[in-house]
PDB file of all heavy atoms in Angstrom:
ATOM      1  N   SER A   1       6.793 -11.761  -6.338  1.00  0.00           N
ATOM      2  CA  SER A   1       7.024 -10.366  -6.682  1.00  0.00           C
ATOM      3  C   SER A   1       5.995  -9.414  -6.063  1.00  0.00           C
ATOM      4  O   SER A   1       6.150  -8.209  -6.165  1.00  0.00           O
ATOM      5  CB  SER A   1       7.022 -10.197  -8.202  1.00  0.00           C
ATOM      6  OG  SER A   1       5.734 -10.497  -8.722  1.00  0.00           O
ATOM      7  N   LEU A   2       4.954  -9.935  -5.425  1.00  0.00           N
ATOM      8  CA  LEU A   2       3.944  -9.078  -4.819  1.00  0.00           C
ATOM      9  C   LEU A   2       4.440  -8.504  -3.498  1.00  0.00           C
ATOM     10  O   LEU A   2       5.082  -9.198  -2.723  1.00  0.00           O
ATOM     11  CB  LEU A   2       2.660  -9.876  -4.561  1.00  0.00           C
ATOM     12  CG  LEU A   2       1.908 -10.368  -5.783  1.00  0.00           C
ATOM     13  CD1 LEU A   2       0.772 -11.285  -5.355  1.00  0.00           C
ATOM     14  CD2 LEU A   2       1.387  -9.216  -6.597  1.00  0.00           C
ATOM     15  N   PRO A   3       4.100  -7.223  -3.217  1.00  0.00           N
ATOM     16  CA  PRO A   3       4.461  -6.668  -1.912  1.00  0.00           C
ATOM     17  C   PRO A   3       3.626  -7.323  -0.820  1.00  0.00           C
ATOM     18  O   PRO A   3       2.515  -7.792  -1.058  1.00  0.00           O
ATOM     19  CB  PRO A   3       4.131  -5.186  -2.051  1.00  0.00           C
ATOM     20  CG  PRO A   3       3.144  -5.111  -3.158  1.00  0.00           C
ATOM     21  CD  PRO A   3       3.407  -6.284  -4.063  1.00  0.00           C
ATOM     22  N   ASN A   4       4.156  -7.341   0.368  1.00  0.00           N
ATOM     23  CA  ASN A   4       3.448  -7.919   1.507  1.00  0.00           C
ATOM     24  C   ASN A   4       2.292  -6.994   1.885  1.00  0.00           C
ATOM     25  O   ASN A   4       2.522  -5.885   2.370  1.00  0.00           O
ATOM     26  CB  ASN A   4       4.407  -8.077   2.686  1.00  0.00           C
ATOM     27  CG  ASN A   4       3.720  -8.585   3.929  1.00  0.00           C
ATOM     28  OD1 ASN A   4       2.533  -8.895   3.921  1.00  0.00           O
ATOM     29  ND2 ASN A   4       4.465  -8.650   5.012  1.00  0.00           N
ATOM     30  N   PRO A   5       1.041  -7.424   1.702  1.00  0.00           N
ATOM     31  CA  PRO A   5      -0.085  -6.551   2.021  1.00  0.00           C
ATOM     32  C   PRO A   5      -0.237  -6.293   3.518  1.00  0.00           C
ATOM     33  O   PRO A   5      -0.893  -5.340   3.920  1.00  0.00           O
ATOM     34  CB  PRO A   5      -1.299  -7.305   1.469  1.00  0.00           C
ATOM     35  CG  PRO A   5      -0.862  -8.720   1.355  1.00  0.00           C
ATOM     36  CD  PRO A   5       0.624  -8.702   1.155  1.00  0.00           C
ATOM     37  N   GLU A   6       0.410  -7.097   4.346  1.00  0.00           N
ATOM     38  CA  GLU A   6       0.324  -6.940   5.799  1.00  0.00           C
ATOM     39  C   GLU A   6       1.434  -6.053   6.373  1.00  0.00           C
ATOM     40  O   GLU A   6       1.511  -5.880   7.582  1.00  0.00           O
ATOM     41  CB  GLU A   6       0.372  -8.313   6.489  1.00  0.00           C
ATOM     42  CG  GLU A   6      -0.834  -9.173   6.219  1.00  0.00           C
ATOM     43  CD  GLU A   6      -2.048  -8.806   7.072  1.00  0.00           C
ATOM     44  OE1 GLU A   6      -2.003  -7.822   7.825  1.00  0.00           O
ATOM     45  OE2 GLU A   6      -3.040  -9.526   6.976  1.00  0.00           O
ATOM     46  N   ARG A   7       2.295  -5.490   5.508  1.00  0.00           N
ATOM     47  CA  ARG A   7       3.370  -4.648   6.033  1.00  0.00           C
ATOM     48  C   ARG A   7       2.759  -3.416   6.714  1.00  0.00           C
ATOM     49  O   ARG A   7       1.661  -2.994   6.376  1.00  0.00           O
ATOM     50  CB  ARG A   7       4.342  -4.257   4.929  1.00  0.00           C
ATOM     51  CG  ARG A   7       3.779  -3.312   3.890  1.00  0.00           C
ATOM     52  CD  ARG A   7       4.736  -3.195   2.696  1.00  0.00           C
ATOM     53  NE  ARG A   7       4.298  -2.209   1.745  1.00  0.00           N
ATOM     54  CZ  ARG A   7       3.384  -2.403   0.813  1.00  0.00           C
ATOM     55  NH1 ARG A   7       2.771  -3.559   0.706  1.00  0.00           N
ATOM     56  NH2 ARG A   7       3.061  -1.442  -0.022  1.00  0.00           N
ATOM     57  N   PRO A   8       3.452  -2.847   7.679  1.00  0.00           N
ATOM     58  CA  PRO A   8       2.906  -1.702   8.425  1.00  0.00           C
ATOM     59  C   PRO A   8       2.659  -0.495   7.514  1.00  0.00           C
ATOM     60  O   PRO A   8       3.353  -0.299   6.512  1.00  0.00           O
ATOM     61  CB  PRO A   8       3.996  -1.381   9.444  1.00  0.00           C
ATOM     62  CG  PRO A   8       4.866  -2.577   9.497  1.00  0.00           C
ATOM     63  CD  PRO A   8       4.756  -3.264   8.167  1.00  0.00           C
ATOM     64  N   PHE A   9       1.689   0.292   7.891  1.00  0.00           N
ATOM     65  CA  PHE A   9       1.421   1.548   7.175  1.00  0.00           C
ATOM     66  C   PHE A   9       2.373   2.599   7.725  1.00  0.00           C
ATOM     67  O   PHE A   9       2.162   3.125   8.818  1.00  0.00           O
ATOM     68  CB  PHE A   9      -0.037   1.977   7.366  1.00  0.00           C
ATOM     69  CG  PHE A   9      -1.007   1.076   6.654  1.00  0.00           C
ATOM     70  CD1 PHE A   9      -1.652   0.061   7.331  1.00  0.00           C
ATOM     71  CD2 PHE A   9      -1.251   1.230   5.300  1.00  0.00           C
ATOM     72  CE1 PHE A   9      -2.535  -0.787   6.681  1.00  0.00           C
ATOM     73  CE2 PHE A   9      -2.134   0.385   4.630  1.00  0.00           C
ATOM     74  CZ  PHE A   9      -2.776  -0.615   5.326  1.00  0.00           C
ATOM     75  N   GLN A  10       3.440   2.875   6.988  1.00  0.00           N
ATOM     76  CA  GLN A  10       4.461   3.814   7.449  1.00  0.00           C
ATOM     77  C   GLN A  10       4.705   4.942   6.453  1.00  0.00           C
ATOM     78  O   GLN A  10       5.692   5.665   6.576  1.00  0.00           O
ATOM     79  CB  GLN A  10       5.776   3.075   7.699  1.00  0.00           C
ATOM     80  CG  GLN A  10       5.669   2.012   8.766  1.00  0.00           C
ATOM     81  CD  GLN A  10       6.961   1.255   8.974  1.00  0.00           C
ATOM     82  OE1 GLN A  10       7.818   1.179   8.099  1.00  0.00           O
ATOM     83  NE2 GLN A  10       7.107   0.674  10.151  1.00  0.00           N
ATOM     84  N   GLU A  11       3.830   5.102   5.497  1.00  0.00           N
ATOM     85  CA  GLU A  11       4.021   6.141   4.486  1.00  0.00           C
ATOM     86  C   GLU A  11       4.000   7.518   5.145  1.00  0.00           C
ATOM     87  O   GLU A  11       3.175   7.781   6.015  1.00  0.00           O
ATOM     88  CB  GLU A  11       2.933   6.040   3.411  1.00  0.00           C
ATOM     89  CG  GLU A  11       3.033   4.788   2.556  1.00  0.00           C
ATOM     90  CD  GLU A  11       2.613   3.514   3.272  1.00  0.00           C
ATOM     91  OE1 GLU A  11       1.879   3.580   4.268  1.00  0.00           O
ATOM     92  OE2 GLU A  11       3.043   2.445   2.837  1.00  0.00           O
ATOM     93  N   LYS A  12       4.938   8.368   4.732  1.00  0.00           N
ATOM     94  CA  LYS A  12       5.093   9.678   5.366  1.00  0.00           C
ATOM     95  C   LYS A  12       4.559  10.818   4.505  1.00  0.00           C
ATOM     96  O   LYS A  12       4.402  11.928   4.994  1.00  0.00           O
ATOM     97  CB  LYS A  12       6.577   9.953   5.658  1.00  0.00           C
ATOM     98  CG  LYS A  12       7.229   8.895   6.522  1.00  0.00           C
ATOM     99  CD  LYS A  12       6.771   8.982   7.944  1.00  0.00           C
ATOM    100  CE  LYS A  12       7.584   8.032   8.806  1.00  0.00           C
ATOM    101  NZ  LYS A  12       6.813   7.371   9.811  1.00  0.00           N
ATOM    102  N   THR A  13       4.320  10.558   3.216  1.00  0.00           N
ATOM    103  CA  THR A  13       3.808  11.611   2.338  1.00  0.00           C
ATOM    104  C   THR A  13       2.448  11.201   1.797  1.00  0.00           C
ATOM    105  O   THR A  13       2.117  10.009   1.730  1.00  0.00           O
ATOM    106  CB  THR A  13       4.750  11.862   1.144  1.00  0.00           C
ATOM    107  OG1 THR A  13       4.750  10.708   0.298  1.00  0.00           O
ATOM    108  CG2 THR A  13       6.167  12.178   1.602  1.00  0.00           C
ATOM    109  N   CYS A  14       1.669  12.188   1.401  1.00  0.00           N
ATOM    110  CA  CYS A  14       0.353  11.912   0.850  1.00  0.00           C
ATOM    111  C   CYS A  14       0.477  11.072  -0.427  1.00  0.00           C
ATOM    112  O   CYS A  14      -0.290  10.135  -0.620  1.00  0.00           O
ATOM    113  CB  CYS A  14      -0.390  13.216   0.575  1.00  0.00           C
ATOM    114  SG  CYS A  14      -2.093  12.984   0.020  1.00  0.00           S
ATOM    115  N   ASP A  15       1.439  11.405  -1.265  1.00  0.00           N
ATOM    116  CA  ASP A  15       1.598  10.646  -2.512  1.00  0.00           C
ATOM    117  C   ASP A  15       1.886   9.174  -2.240  1.00  0.00           C
ATOM    118  O   ASP A  15       1.289   8.297  -2.871  1.00  0.00           O
ATOM    119  CB  ASP A  15       2.709  11.247  -3.379  1.00  0.00           C
ATOM    120  CG  ASP A  15       2.317  12.584  -3.982  1.00  0.00           C
ATOM    121  OD1 ASP A  15       1.104  12.866  -4.105  1.00  0.00           O
ATOM    122  OD2 ASP A  15       3.226  13.354  -4.325  1.00  0.00           O
ATOM    123  N   SER A  16       2.766   8.883  -1.299  1.00  0.00           N
ATOM    124  CA  SER A  16       3.078   7.482  -1.006  1.00  0.00           C
ATOM    125  C   SER A  16       1.889   6.796  -0.335  1.00  0.00           C
ATOM    126  O   SER A  16       1.600   5.625  -0.597  1.00  0.00           O
ATOM    127  CB  SER A  16       4.342   7.357  -0.161  1.00  0.00           C
ATOM    128  OG  SER A  16       4.187   7.970   1.093  1.00  0.00           O
ATOM    129  N   ALA A  17       1.158   7.516   0.512  1.00  0.00           N
ATOM    130  CA  ALA A  17      -0.035   6.947   1.148  1.00  0.00           C
ATOM    131  C   ALA A  17      -1.116   6.666   0.109  1.00  0.00           C
ATOM    132  O   ALA A  17      -1.818   5.654   0.194  1.00  0.00           O
ATOM    133  CB  ALA A  17      -0.562   7.884   2.235  1.00  0.00           C
ATOM    134  N   MET A  18      -1.233   7.523  -0.888  1.00  0.00           N
ATOM    135  CA  MET A  18      -2.216   7.306  -1.945  1.00  0.00           C
ATOM    136  C   MET A  18      -1.844   6.100  -2.807  1.00  0.00           C
ATOM    137  O   MET A  18      -2.716   5.332  -3.215  1.00  0.00           O
ATOM    138  CB  MET A  18      -2.366   8.559  -2.811  1.00  0.00           C
ATOM    139  CG  MET A  18      -3.016   9.723  -2.082  1.00  0.00           C
ATOM    140  SD  MET A  18      -4.684   9.342  -1.473  1.00  0.00           S
ATOM    141  CE  MET A  18      -5.545   9.130  -3.010  1.00  0.00           C
ATOM    142  N   ARG A  19      -0.550   5.907  -3.060  1.00  0.00           N
ATOM    143  CA  ARG A  19      -0.117   4.711  -3.805  1.00  0.00           C
ATOM    144  C   ARG A  19      -0.454   3.451  -3.013  1.00  0.00           C
ATOM    145  O   ARG A  19      -0.940   2.463  -3.570  1.00  0.00           O
ATOM    146  CB  ARG A  19       1.380   4.773  -4.116  1.00  0.00           C
ATOM    147  CG  ARG A  19       1.728   5.667  -5.288  1.00  0.00           C
ATOM    148  CD  ARG A  19       3.170   5.498  -5.729  1.00  0.00           C
ATOM    149  NE  ARG A  19       4.131   5.867  -4.697  1.00  0.00           N
ATOM    150  CZ  ARG A  19       4.552   7.106  -4.465  1.00  0.00           C
ATOM    151  NH1 ARG A  19       4.112   8.112  -5.193  1.00  0.00           N
ATOM    152  NH2 ARG A  19       5.434   7.339  -3.505  1.00  0.00           N
ATOM    153  N   ARG A  20      -0.218   3.490  -1.715  1.00  0.00           N
ATOM    154  CA  ARG A  20      -0.525   2.338  -0.858  1.00  0.00           C
ATOM    155  C   ARG A  20      -2.032   2.094  -0.813  1.00  0.00           C
ATOM    156  O   ARG A  20      -2.489   0.952  -0.826  1.00  0.00           O
ATOM    157  CB  ARG A  20       0.032   2.586   0.541  1.00  0.00           C
ATOM    158  CG  ARG A  20      -0.214   1.473   1.525  1.00  0.00           C
ATOM    159  CD  ARG A  20       0.656   0.249   1.224  1.00  0.00           C
ATOM    160  NE  ARG A  20       0.369  -0.857   2.114  1.00  0.00           N
ATOM    161  CZ  ARG A  20       0.900  -1.043   3.312  1.00  0.00           C
ATOM    162  NH1 ARG A  20       1.800  -0.195   3.770  1.00  0.00           N
ATOM    163  NH2 ARG A  20       0.564  -2.065   4.044  1.00  0.00           N
ATOM    164  N   LEU A  21      -2.815   3.158  -0.769  1.00  0.00           N
ATOM    165  CA  LEU A  21      -4.264   3.029  -0.780  1.00  0.00           C
ATOM    166  C   LEU A  21      -4.733   2.384  -2.082  1.00  0.00           C
ATOM    167  O   LEU A  21      -5.572   1.482  -2.072  1.00  0.00           O
ATOM    168  CB  LEU A  21      -4.926   4.393  -0.583  1.00  0.00           C
ATOM    169  CG  LEU A  21      -6.451   4.437  -0.686  1.00  0.00           C
ATOM    170  CD1 LEU A  21      -7.100   3.485   0.310  1.00  0.00           C
ATOM    171  CD2 LEU A  21      -6.945   5.862  -0.481  1.00  0.00           C
ATOM    172  N   LYS A  22      -4.185   2.821  -3.192  1.00  0.00           N
ATOM    173  CA  LYS A  22      -4.546   2.240  -4.490  1.00  0.00           C
ATOM    174  C   LYS A  22      -4.224   0.748  -4.506  1.00  0.00           C
ATOM    175  O   LYS A  22      -5.021  -0.077  -4.964  1.00  0.00           O
ATOM    176  CB  LYS A  22      -3.793   2.964  -5.612  1.00  0.00           C
ATOM    177  CG  LYS A  22      -4.133   2.470  -6.990  1.00  0.00           C
ATOM    178  CD  LYS A  22      -3.387   3.258  -8.046  1.00  0.00           C
ATOM    179  CE  LYS A  22      -3.687   2.708  -9.423  1.00  0.00           C
ATOM    180  NZ  LYS A  22      -2.935   3.409 -10.471  1.00  0.00           N
ATOM    181  N   GLU A  23      -3.059   0.391  -3.991  1.00  0.00           N
ATOM    182  CA  GLU A  23      -2.651  -1.017  -3.897  1.00  0.00           C
ATOM    183  C   GLU A  23      -3.626  -1.806  -3.023  1.00  0.00           C
ATOM    184  O   GLU A  23      -4.067  -2.904  -3.387  1.00  0.00           O
ATOM    185  CB  GLU A  23      -1.248  -1.083  -3.311  1.00  0.00           C
ATOM    186  CG  GLU A  23      -0.741  -2.467  -3.022  1.00  0.00           C
ATOM    187  CD  GLU A  23       0.543  -2.433  -2.221  1.00  0.00           C
ATOM    188  OE1 GLU A  23       1.465  -1.672  -2.572  1.00  0.00           O
ATOM    189  OE2 GLU A  23       0.621  -3.163  -1.212  1.00  0.00           O
ATOM    190  N   ALA A  24      -3.995  -1.238  -1.872  1.00  0.00           N
ATOM    191  CA  ALA A  24      -4.900  -1.932  -0.951  1.00  0.00           C
ATOM    192  C   ALA A  24      -6.289  -2.091  -1.559  1.00  0.00           C
ATOM    193  O   ALA A  24      -6.935  -3.127  -1.385  1.00  0.00           O
ATOM    194  CB  ALA A  24      -4.977  -1.176   0.376  1.00  0.00           C
ATOM    195  N   ARG A  25      -6.753  -1.066  -2.258  1.00  0.00           N
ATOM    196  CA  ARG A  25      -8.074  -1.157  -2.890  1.00  0.00           C
ATOM    197  C   ARG A  25      -8.100  -2.222  -3.978  1.00  0.00           C
ATOM    198  O   ARG A  25      -9.136  -2.848  -4.202  1.00  0.00           O
ATOM    199  CB  ARG A  25      -8.473   0.192  -3.473  1.00  0.00           C
ATOM    200  CG  ARG A  25      -8.905   1.191  -2.427  1.00  0.00           C
ATOM    201  CD  ARG A  25      -9.273   2.500  -3.052  1.00  0.00           C
ATOM    202  NE  ARG A  25      -9.776   3.455  -2.071  1.00  0.00           N
ATOM    203  CZ  ARG A  25      -9.940   4.749  -2.329  1.00  0.00           C
ATOM    204  NH1 ARG A  25      -9.667   5.238  -3.520  1.00  0.00           N
ATOM    205  NH2 ARG A  25     -10.399   5.548  -1.381  1.00  0.00           N
ATOM    206  N   ALA A  26      -6.977  -2.429  -4.656  1.00  0.00           N
ATOM    207  CA  ALA A  26      -6.904  -3.456  -5.701  1.00  0.00           C
ATOM    208  C   ALA A  26      -6.949  -4.855  -5.092  1.00  0.00           C
ATOM    209  O   ALA A  26      -7.346  -5.813  -5.750  1.00  0.00           O
ATOM    210  CB  ALA A  26      -5.632  -3.278  -6.526  1.00  0.00           C
ATOM    211  N   GLY A  27      -6.533  -4.969  -3.841  1.00  0.00           N
ATOM    212  CA  GLY A  27      -6.543  -6.264  -3.164  1.00  0.00           C
ATOM    213  C   GLY A  27      -5.323  -7.088  -3.518  1.00  0.00           C
ATOM    214  O   GLY A  27      -4.547  -6.746  -4.411  1.00  0.00           O
ATOM    215  N   SER A  28      -5.162  -8.168  -2.804  1.00  0.00           N
ATOM    216  CA  SER A  28      -4.030  -9.063  -3.004  1.00  0.00           C
ATOM    217  C   SER A  28      -4.537 -10.489  -3.117  1.00  0.00           C
ATOM    218  O   SER A  28      -5.362 -10.917  -2.296  1.00  0.00           O
ATOM    219  CB  SER A  28      -3.055  -8.955  -1.831  1.00  0.00           C
ATOM    220  OG  SER A  28      -2.083  -9.983  -1.911  1.00  0.00           O
ATOM    221  N   PRO A  29      -4.031 -11.236  -4.084  1.00  0.00           N
ATOM    222  CA  PRO A  29      -4.422 -12.643  -4.185  1.00  0.00           C
ATOM    223  C   PRO A  29      -3.886 -13.464  -3.013  1.00  0.00           C
ATOM    224  O   PRO A  29      -4.305 -14.600  -2.825  1.00  0.00           O
ATOM    225  CB  PRO A  29      -3.817 -13.090  -5.516  1.00  0.00           C
ATOM    226  CG  PRO A  29      -2.690 -12.161  -5.768  1.00  0.00           C
ATOM    227  CD  PRO A  29      -3.102 -10.849  -5.142  1.00  0.00           C
TER     228      PRO A  29
END
């Protein structure tokens, strides 16, 4: 159920980029 942390950075809005940043900062097992 985890998103692929290696997927390309394609976010087009600041809000979506911030969600992705939060996810990346949390790290992935």
